[in-house]
């Protein structure tokens, strides 16, 4: 299955801005991207990033084992947003380098623990994780019709213009 993830440059810039903010005790920030989903030809899937939901300062847990550790309230808020707005959710964080990022073993283990929870509120939607670098990104998608997670094969960043099309 080919999966394409698209978002606007404005949204990507907002995510980078939020992920760059300092936090009192975590070494990195995390958040969620709510997404619309559409089918593409040949059994493909288009995931359209729409809204960034940063994890609130009070929803992090102080831990020396993780760069950032979300508390249950952070996941509960993302689950509620997904349920209320009928949206797929993609967890996002950033690795501080240039070039194509890879998921750490902790990223893979922890996301495998909480991403399937989103099927409790949106069982027909794909959900997943994205890791950014300063100039690239990688992603994985859990799809309800597939046993294994699927790599996101293409990312597209759309530049917005000020013109309106009517």
N, C-alpha and C. Protein backbone atom coordinates (compact mmCIF):
# COMPACT_ATOMS: atom_id res chain seq x y z
N UNK A 1 0.84 -1.18 0.00
CA UNK A 1 0.00 0.00 0.00
C UNK A 1 0.88 1.25 0.00
N UNK A 2 0.63 2.14 -0.94
CA UNK A 2 1.36 3.41 -1.01
C UNK A 2 0.62 4.44 -0.16
N UNK A 3 1.36 5.08 0.74
CA UNK A 3 0.78 6.11 1.59
C UNK A 3 1.50 7.42 1.34
N UNK A 4 0.72 8.45 1.02
CA UNK A 4 1.26 9.80 0.84
C UNK A 4 0.73 10.69 1.95
N UNK A 5 1.62 11.45 2.57
CA UNK A 5 1.25 12.39 3.62
C UNK A 5 1.49 13.80 3.09
N UNK A 6 0.45 14.63 3.12
CA UNK A 6 0.57 16.01 2.66
C UNK A 6 0.20 16.96 3.79
N UNK A 7 0.89 18.11 3.81
CA UNK A 7 0.51 19.20 4.70
C UNK A 7 1.03 20.50 4.11
N UNK A 8 0.47 21.59 4.61
CA UNK A 8 0.91 22.89 4.11
C UNK A 8 2.23 23.28 4.77
N UNK A 9 2.95 24.15 4.09
CA UNK A 9 4.18 24.69 4.65
C UNK A 9 3.89 25.47 5.93
N UNK A 10 2.76 26.17 5.97
CA UNK A 10 2.38 26.90 7.18
C UNK A 10 2.23 25.96 8.38
N UNK A 11 1.59 24.82 8.16
CA UNK A 11 1.42 23.85 9.25
C UNK A 11 2.78 23.29 9.67
N UNK A 12 3.61 22.93 8.72
CA UNK A 12 4.94 22.40 9.05
C UNK A 12 5.74 23.43 9.84
N UNK A 13 5.70 24.69 9.43
CA UNK A 13 6.42 25.73 10.16
C UNK A 13 5.89 25.89 11.58
N UNK A 14 4.58 25.81 11.75
CA UNK A 14 3.99 25.91 13.09
C UNK A 14 4.45 24.75 13.97
N UNK A 15 4.50 23.56 13.40
CA UNK A 15 4.97 22.39 14.16
C UNK A 15 6.42 22.60 14.59
N UNK A 16 7.27 23.03 13.67
CA UNK A 16 8.68 23.27 14.02
C UNK A 16 8.80 24.35 15.10
N UNK A 17 8.00 25.41 15.01
CA UNK A 17 8.03 26.46 16.03
C UNK A 17 7.69 25.90 17.40
N UNK A 18 6.62 25.13 17.47
CA UNK A 18 6.18 24.56 18.75
C UNK A 18 7.20 23.56 19.30
N UNK A 19 7.77 22.75 18.42
CA UNK A 19 8.74 21.75 18.87
C UNK A 19 10.05 22.41 19.32
N UNK A 20 10.28 23.65 18.91
CA UNK A 20 11.50 24.37 19.29
C UNK A 20 11.39 25.08 20.63
N UNK A 21 10.20 25.20 21.17
CA UNK A 21 10.02 25.92 22.44
C UNK A 21 10.69 25.17 23.58
N UNK A 22 11.34 25.89 24.48
CA UNK A 22 11.94 25.22 25.64
C UNK A 22 10.86 24.72 26.60
N UNK A 23 11.20 23.72 27.37
CA UNK A 23 10.30 23.18 28.40
C UNK A 23 11.10 23.09 29.69
N UNK A 24 10.44 23.26 30.84
CA UNK A 24 11.18 23.26 32.11
C UNK A 24 12.00 22.00 32.39
N UNK A 25 11.53 20.82 31.93
CA UNK A 25 12.29 19.61 32.28
C UNK A 25 12.44 18.59 31.16
N UNK A 26 11.76 18.73 30.05
CA UNK A 26 11.97 17.77 28.97
C UNK A 26 13.04 18.30 28.02
N UNK A 27 13.70 17.39 27.33
CA UNK A 27 14.71 17.83 26.36
C UNK A 27 14.14 17.96 24.96
N UNK A 28 12.89 17.54 24.77
CA UNK A 28 12.23 17.72 23.49
C UNK A 28 10.73 17.84 23.71
N UNK A 29 10.03 18.31 22.70
CA UNK A 29 8.58 18.43 22.74
C UNK A 29 7.96 17.46 21.73
N UNK A 30 6.70 17.18 21.93
CA UNK A 30 5.96 16.28 21.05
C UNK A 30 4.56 16.83 20.84
N UNK A 31 3.85 16.27 19.89
CA UNK A 31 2.48 16.68 19.63
C UNK A 31 1.78 15.69 18.72
N UNK A 32 0.62 16.10 18.25
CA UNK A 32 -0.19 15.27 17.36
C UNK A 32 -0.65 16.12 16.18
N UNK A 33 -0.74 15.49 15.02
CA UNK A 33 -1.29 16.13 13.83
C UNK A 33 -2.62 15.43 13.54
N UNK A 34 -3.70 16.19 13.52
CA UNK A 34 -4.97 15.60 13.11
C UNK A 34 -5.02 15.63 11.58
N UNK A 35 -5.61 14.58 11.02
CA UNK A 35 -5.53 14.39 9.57
C UNK A 35 -6.84 13.92 8.98
N UNK A 36 -7.11 14.40 7.79
CA UNK A 36 -8.14 13.83 6.96
C UNK A 36 -7.53 12.70 6.14
N UNK A 37 -8.37 11.82 5.65
CA UNK A 37 -7.89 10.64 4.91
C UNK A 37 -8.74 10.46 3.66
N UNK A 38 -8.07 10.11 2.57
CA UNK A 38 -8.75 9.85 1.31
C UNK A 38 -8.05 8.72 0.58
N UNK A 39 -8.79 8.03 -0.24
CA UNK A 39 -8.19 6.96 -1.04
C UNK A 39 -7.52 7.53 -2.28
N UNK A 40 -6.43 6.88 -2.67
CA UNK A 40 -5.74 7.18 -3.92
C UNK A 40 -5.90 5.98 -4.85
N UNK A 41 -5.67 6.17 -6.16
CA UNK A 41 -5.74 5.03 -7.08
C UNK A 41 -4.79 3.91 -6.67
N UNK A 42 -5.10 2.72 -7.12
CA UNK A 42 -4.26 1.54 -6.88
C UNK A 42 -4.07 1.23 -5.41
N UNK A 43 -5.14 1.33 -4.63
CA UNK A 43 -5.11 0.98 -3.21
C UNK A 43 -4.21 1.91 -2.40
N UNK A 44 -3.99 3.12 -2.88
CA UNK A 44 -3.17 4.09 -2.15
C UNK A 44 -4.00 4.85 -1.13
N UNK A 45 -3.31 5.58 -0.29
CA UNK A 45 -3.96 6.34 0.77
C UNK A 45 -3.31 7.71 0.86
N UNK A 46 -4.14 8.74 0.89
CA UNK A 46 -3.68 10.11 1.07
C UNK A 46 -4.05 10.55 2.48
N UNK A 47 -3.06 10.99 3.23
CA UNK A 47 -3.28 11.51 4.57
C UNK A 47 -2.94 12.99 4.51
N UNK A 48 -3.91 13.83 4.87
CA UNK A 48 -3.75 15.27 4.78
C UNK A 48 -3.68 15.87 6.18
N UNK A 49 -2.49 16.33 6.57
CA UNK A 49 -2.31 16.98 7.86
C UNK A 49 -3.08 18.28 7.90
N UNK A 50 -3.90 18.46 8.95
CA UNK A 50 -4.77 19.63 9.02
C UNK A 50 -4.48 20.54 10.22
N UNK A 51 -4.33 19.96 11.39
CA UNK A 51 -4.22 20.74 12.63
C UNK A 51 -3.13 20.16 13.50
N UNK A 52 -2.31 21.03 14.09
CA UNK A 52 -1.30 20.58 15.04
C UNK A 52 -1.80 20.78 16.45
N UNK A 53 -1.68 19.73 17.25
CA UNK A 53 -2.08 19.76 18.65
C UNK A 53 -0.85 19.50 19.52
N UNK A 54 -0.19 20.57 19.99
CA UNK A 54 0.99 20.35 20.83
C UNK A 54 0.59 19.77 22.18
N UNK A 55 1.43 18.95 22.74
CA UNK A 55 1.19 18.46 24.10
C UNK A 55 1.42 19.63 25.06
N UNK A 56 0.48 19.86 25.94
CA UNK A 56 0.56 20.96 26.91
C UNK A 56 1.68 20.71 27.91
N UNK A 57 2.27 21.81 28.38
CA UNK A 57 3.38 21.71 29.34
C UNK A 57 3.04 20.81 30.52
N UNK A 58 1.83 20.93 31.04
CA UNK A 58 1.45 20.17 32.23
C UNK A 58 1.19 18.69 31.95
N UNK A 59 1.17 18.30 30.67
CA UNK A 59 0.90 16.91 30.32
C UNK A 59 2.16 16.08 30.06
N UNK A 60 3.33 16.66 30.33
CA UNK A 60 4.58 15.91 30.27
C UNK A 60 4.90 15.36 31.67
N UNK A 61 5.57 14.22 31.68
CA UNK A 61 6.02 13.61 32.93
C UNK A 61 7.54 13.73 32.98
N UNK A 62 8.05 14.16 34.11
CA UNK A 62 9.50 14.31 34.27
C UNK A 62 10.13 12.92 34.31
N UNK A 63 11.04 12.65 33.37
CA UNK A 63 11.68 11.34 33.28
C UNK A 63 13.09 11.50 32.73
N UNK A 64 14.03 10.84 33.34
CA UNK A 64 15.40 10.87 32.83
C UNK A 64 15.64 9.80 31.76
N UNK A 65 14.64 8.95 31.51
CA UNK A 65 14.79 7.85 30.55
C UNK A 65 14.33 8.23 29.14
N UNK A 66 13.58 9.33 29.00
CA UNK A 66 13.01 9.72 27.72
C UNK A 66 13.29 11.20 27.48
N UNK A 67 13.44 11.58 26.20
CA UNK A 67 13.56 12.99 25.87
C UNK A 67 12.29 13.74 26.21
N UNK A 68 11.16 13.08 25.99
CA UNK A 68 9.85 13.61 26.36
C UNK A 68 8.95 12.43 26.68
N UNK A 69 8.26 12.52 27.78
CA UNK A 69 7.32 11.47 28.18
C UNK A 69 5.96 12.12 28.40
N UNK A 70 4.98 11.69 27.59
CA UNK A 70 3.61 12.20 27.72
C UNK A 70 2.89 11.46 28.83
N UNK A 71 2.09 12.19 29.57
CA UNK A 71 1.21 11.57 30.53
C UNK A 71 -0.07 11.10 29.86
N UNK A 72 -0.88 10.37 30.58
CA UNK A 72 -2.12 9.84 30.01
C UNK A 72 -3.08 10.94 29.58
N UNK A 73 -3.01 12.10 30.23
CA UNK A 73 -3.89 13.21 29.87
C UNK A 73 -3.60 13.70 28.44
N UNK A 74 -2.35 13.70 28.04
CA UNK A 74 -1.99 14.12 26.68
C UNK A 74 -2.62 13.19 25.64
N UNK A 75 -2.52 11.91 25.89
CA UNK A 75 -3.10 10.95 24.95
C UNK A 75 -4.62 11.04 24.99
N UNK A 76 -5.19 11.23 26.17
CA UNK A 76 -6.65 11.35 26.31
C UNK A 76 -7.16 12.55 25.50
N UNK A 77 -6.45 13.67 25.53
CA UNK A 77 -6.86 14.85 24.76
C UNK A 77 -6.82 14.55 23.26
N UNK A 78 -5.77 13.88 22.80
CA UNK A 78 -5.67 13.53 21.38
C UNK A 78 -6.76 12.55 20.98
N UNK A 79 -7.05 11.58 21.84
CA UNK A 79 -8.14 10.63 21.57
C UNK A 79 -9.48 11.36 21.46
N UNK A 80 -9.72 12.30 22.37
CA UNK A 80 -10.97 13.05 22.36
C UNK A 80 -11.10 13.88 21.09
N UNK A 81 -10.01 14.52 20.68
CA UNK A 81 -10.04 15.31 19.44
C UNK A 81 -10.33 14.40 18.25
N UNK A 82 -9.68 13.26 18.18
CA UNK A 82 -9.90 12.32 17.10
C UNK A 82 -11.36 11.87 17.06
N UNK A 83 -11.91 11.55 18.20
CA UNK A 83 -13.30 11.10 18.31
C UNK A 83 -14.27 12.20 17.91
N UNK A 84 -14.10 13.38 18.47
CA UNK A 84 -15.03 14.48 18.25
C UNK A 84 -14.99 15.02 16.82
N UNK A 85 -13.84 14.95 16.19
CA UNK A 85 -13.67 15.54 14.86
C UNK A 85 -13.55 14.52 13.73
N UNK A 86 -13.68 13.24 14.08
CA UNK A 86 -13.56 12.15 13.10
C UNK A 86 -12.28 12.30 12.28
N UNK A 87 -11.15 12.30 12.97
CA UNK A 87 -9.87 12.51 12.33
C UNK A 87 -8.87 11.42 12.70
N UNK A 88 -7.99 11.11 11.75
CA UNK A 88 -6.84 10.25 12.02
C UNK A 88 -5.84 11.09 12.82
N UNK A 89 -5.02 10.43 13.63
CA UNK A 89 -4.03 11.15 14.44
C UNK A 89 -2.64 10.58 14.20
N UNK A 90 -1.69 11.49 14.06
CA UNK A 90 -0.29 11.12 13.88
C UNK A 90 0.54 11.83 14.93
N UNK A 91 1.21 11.06 15.76
CA UNK A 91 2.11 11.61 16.77
C UNK A 91 3.35 12.13 16.06
N UNK A 92 3.88 13.27 16.52
CA UNK A 92 5.04 13.86 15.85
C UNK A 92 6.04 14.39 16.87
N UNK A 93 7.31 14.20 16.55
CA UNK A 93 8.40 14.80 17.32
C UNK A 93 9.56 15.03 16.36
N UNK A 94 10.63 15.62 16.86
CA UNK A 94 11.75 15.97 15.99
C UNK A 94 13.06 15.47 16.56
N UNK A 95 13.92 15.02 15.66
CA UNK A 95 15.31 14.72 16.00
C UNK A 95 16.15 15.89 15.52
N UNK A 96 17.07 16.32 16.32
CA UNK A 96 17.81 17.56 16.09
C UNK A 96 19.02 17.35 15.17
N UNK A 97 18.74 17.17 13.89
CA UNK A 97 19.79 17.05 12.87
C UNK A 97 19.19 17.33 11.51
N UNK A 98 20.01 17.40 10.49
CA UNK A 98 19.55 17.49 9.11
C UNK A 98 19.59 16.10 8.49
N UNK A 99 18.87 15.92 7.39
CA UNK A 99 18.84 14.63 6.72
C UNK A 99 17.64 13.81 7.16
N UNK A 100 17.46 12.70 6.49
CA UNK A 100 16.30 11.85 6.76
C UNK A 100 16.41 11.23 8.15
N UNK A 101 15.42 11.48 9.00
CA UNK A 101 15.47 10.91 10.35
C UNK A 101 14.98 9.47 10.37
N UNK A 102 15.42 8.74 11.38
CA UNK A 102 14.96 7.38 11.61
C UNK A 102 14.37 7.31 13.02
N UNK A 103 13.46 6.39 13.21
CA UNK A 103 12.87 6.20 14.52
C UNK A 103 13.84 5.44 15.41
N UNK A 104 13.94 5.86 16.66
CA UNK A 104 14.75 5.13 17.63
C UNK A 104 13.97 3.89 18.08
N UNK A 105 14.63 2.99 18.74
CA UNK A 105 13.94 1.80 19.27
C UNK A 105 12.89 2.22 20.30
N UNK A 106 13.17 3.27 21.07
CA UNK A 106 12.17 3.77 22.04
C UNK A 106 10.97 4.34 21.30
N UNK A 107 11.20 5.11 20.22
CA UNK A 107 10.09 5.64 19.42
C UNK A 107 9.18 4.51 18.95
N UNK A 108 9.78 3.46 18.41
CA UNK A 108 9.00 2.34 17.87
C UNK A 108 8.26 1.58 18.96
N UNK A 109 8.94 1.32 20.06
CA UNK A 109 8.31 0.57 21.15
C UNK A 109 7.15 1.34 21.77
N UNK A 110 7.38 2.61 22.09
CA UNK A 110 6.34 3.39 22.77
C UNK A 110 5.15 3.69 21.87
N UNK A 111 5.42 3.99 20.60
CA UNK A 111 4.30 4.27 19.69
C UNK A 111 3.45 3.01 19.46
N UNK A 112 4.09 1.86 19.44
CA UNK A 112 3.33 0.60 19.29
C UNK A 112 2.41 0.37 20.48
N UNK A 113 2.72 1.00 21.62
CA UNK A 113 1.88 0.87 22.80
C UNK A 113 0.65 1.78 22.75
N UNK A 114 0.77 2.99 22.18
CA UNK A 114 -0.37 3.91 22.27
C UNK A 114 -1.08 4.21 20.95
N UNK A 115 -0.44 4.05 19.81
CA UNK A 115 -1.12 4.35 18.54
C UNK A 115 -2.35 3.46 18.33
N UNK A 116 -2.30 2.15 18.60
CA UNK A 116 -3.52 1.35 18.41
C UNK A 116 -4.70 1.78 19.28
N UNK A 117 -4.45 2.54 20.36
CA UNK A 117 -5.55 3.05 21.18
C UNK A 117 -6.49 3.95 20.37
N UNK A 118 -5.97 4.57 19.32
CA UNK A 118 -6.80 5.46 18.51
C UNK A 118 -7.87 4.69 17.75
N UNK A 119 -7.68 3.39 17.56
CA UNK A 119 -8.74 2.59 16.93
C UNK A 119 -9.94 2.43 17.84
N UNK A 120 -9.79 2.69 19.13
CA UNK A 120 -10.94 2.65 20.04
C UNK A 120 -11.91 3.80 19.76
N UNK A 121 -11.40 4.92 19.19
CA UNK A 121 -12.26 6.07 18.92
C UNK A 121 -12.50 6.29 17.43
N UNK A 122 -11.57 5.84 16.60
CA UNK A 122 -11.72 5.92 15.13
C UNK A 122 -11.22 4.60 14.53
N UNK A 123 -12.03 3.55 14.63
CA UNK A 123 -11.57 2.21 14.23
C UNK A 123 -11.33 2.02 12.73
N UNK A 124 -11.87 2.87 11.88
CA UNK A 124 -11.69 2.70 10.44
C UNK A 124 -10.60 3.60 9.87
N UNK A 125 -9.99 4.40 10.74
CA UNK A 125 -8.98 5.37 10.30
C UNK A 125 -7.57 4.82 10.50
N UNK A 126 -6.64 5.22 9.63
CA UNK A 126 -5.23 4.94 9.90
C UNK A 126 -4.71 5.95 10.92
N UNK A 127 -3.73 5.57 11.69
CA UNK A 127 -3.09 6.45 12.67
C UNK A 127 -1.60 6.14 12.61
N UNK A 128 -0.77 7.04 13.14
CA UNK A 128 0.65 6.74 13.03
C UNK A 128 1.56 7.72 13.73
N UNK A 129 2.81 7.69 13.28
CA UNK A 129 3.86 8.51 13.87
C UNK A 129 4.70 9.13 12.77
N UNK A 130 5.19 10.32 13.06
CA UNK A 130 6.08 11.03 12.15
C UNK A 130 7.24 11.57 12.98
N UNK A 131 8.43 11.44 12.43
CA UNK A 131 9.60 12.06 13.05
C UNK A 131 10.18 13.04 12.03
N UNK A 132 10.41 14.24 12.51
CA UNK A 132 11.00 15.29 11.68
C UNK A 132 12.48 15.40 11.97
N UNK A 133 13.22 15.92 11.02
CA UNK A 133 14.54 16.48 11.27
C UNK A 133 14.38 17.96 10.92
N UNK A 134 15.47 18.68 10.82
CA UNK A 134 15.34 20.09 10.46
C UNK A 134 14.97 20.29 8.99
N UNK A 135 15.19 19.26 8.14
CA UNK A 135 14.90 19.44 6.72
C UNK A 135 14.28 18.21 6.05
N UNK A 136 13.80 17.24 6.84
CA UNK A 136 13.23 16.04 6.25
C UNK A 136 12.25 15.40 7.24
N UNK A 137 11.67 14.28 6.86
CA UNK A 137 10.75 13.57 7.76
C UNK A 137 10.59 12.13 7.32
N UNK A 138 10.16 11.30 8.27
CA UNK A 138 9.84 9.90 8.04
C UNK A 138 8.57 9.58 8.80
N UNK A 139 7.87 8.54 8.38
CA UNK A 139 6.64 8.20 9.07
C UNK A 139 6.24 6.75 8.92
N UNK A 140 5.43 6.32 9.86
CA UNK A 140 4.84 4.98 9.86
C UNK A 140 3.35 5.10 10.11
N UNK A 141 2.60 4.21 9.49
CA UNK A 141 1.15 4.23 9.58
C UNK A 141 0.64 2.86 10.03
N UNK A 142 -0.26 2.86 10.99
CA UNK A 142 -0.97 1.67 11.39
C UNK A 142 -2.34 1.76 10.70
N UNK A 143 -2.64 0.79 9.87
CA UNK A 143 -3.90 0.78 9.12
C UNK A 143 -4.77 -0.35 9.65
N UNK A 144 -6.07 -0.10 9.82
CA UNK A 144 -6.93 -1.14 10.41
C UNK A 144 -7.04 -2.42 9.59
N UNK A 145 -6.72 -2.35 8.30
CA UNK A 145 -6.81 -3.55 7.45
C UNK A 145 -5.47 -4.24 7.23
N UNK A 146 -4.43 -3.80 7.94
CA UNK A 146 -3.11 -4.38 7.78
C UNK A 146 -2.54 -4.77 9.15
N UNK A 147 -1.91 -5.90 9.20
CA UNK A 147 -1.34 -6.39 10.46
C UNK A 147 -0.09 -5.59 10.84
N UNK A 148 0.75 -5.29 9.86
CA UNK A 148 2.01 -4.60 10.13
C UNK A 148 1.89 -3.12 9.83
N UNK A 149 2.71 -2.32 10.54
CA UNK A 149 2.74 -0.89 10.24
C UNK A 149 3.35 -0.69 8.86
N UNK A 150 2.93 0.39 8.20
CA UNK A 150 3.31 0.65 6.82
C UNK A 150 4.14 1.94 6.76
N UNK A 151 5.30 1.91 6.14
CA UNK A 151 6.08 3.15 5.98
C UNK A 151 5.33 4.14 5.09
N UNK A 152 5.37 5.41 5.45
CA UNK A 152 4.82 6.46 4.59
C UNK A 152 5.81 6.63 3.45
N UNK A 153 5.33 6.44 2.23
CA UNK A 153 6.23 6.40 1.08
C UNK A 153 6.54 7.77 0.49
N UNK A 154 5.67 8.75 0.74
CA UNK A 154 5.91 10.06 0.15
C UNK A 154 5.35 11.15 1.06
N UNK A 155 6.12 12.22 1.20
CA UNK A 155 5.69 13.42 1.92
C UNK A 155 5.64 14.56 0.92
N UNK A 156 4.58 15.35 0.96
CA UNK A 156 4.45 16.52 0.10
C UNK A 156 4.13 17.73 0.97
N UNK A 157 4.90 18.79 0.79
CA UNK A 157 4.66 20.04 1.51
C UNK A 157 4.11 21.03 0.50
N UNK A 158 2.96 21.58 0.79
CA UNK A 158 2.25 22.45 -0.15
C UNK A 158 2.43 23.90 0.28
N UNK A 159 2.95 24.70 -0.62
CA UNK A 159 3.06 26.15 -0.36
C UNK A 159 1.71 26.79 -0.64
N UNK A 160 1.24 27.57 0.29
CA UNK A 160 -0.04 28.25 0.12
C UNK A 160 0.17 29.59 -0.57
N UNK A 161 -0.81 29.99 -1.34
CA UNK A 161 -0.78 31.30 -1.96
C UNK A 161 -1.91 32.13 -1.36
N UNK A 162 -1.89 33.41 -1.61
CA UNK A 162 -2.94 34.30 -1.09
C UNK A 162 -4.13 34.38 -2.02
N UNK A 163 -4.08 33.74 -3.16
CA UNK A 163 -5.20 33.83 -4.09
C UNK A 163 -6.32 32.89 -3.68
N UNK A 164 -7.53 33.34 -3.90
CA UNK A 164 -8.70 32.51 -3.63
C UNK A 164 -9.24 31.97 -4.94
N UNK A 165 -9.61 30.74 -4.95
CA UNK A 165 -10.18 30.12 -6.16
C UNK A 165 -11.66 29.94 -5.88
N UNK A 166 -12.49 30.53 -6.73
CA UNK A 166 -13.95 30.40 -6.54
C UNK A 166 -14.56 29.71 -7.71
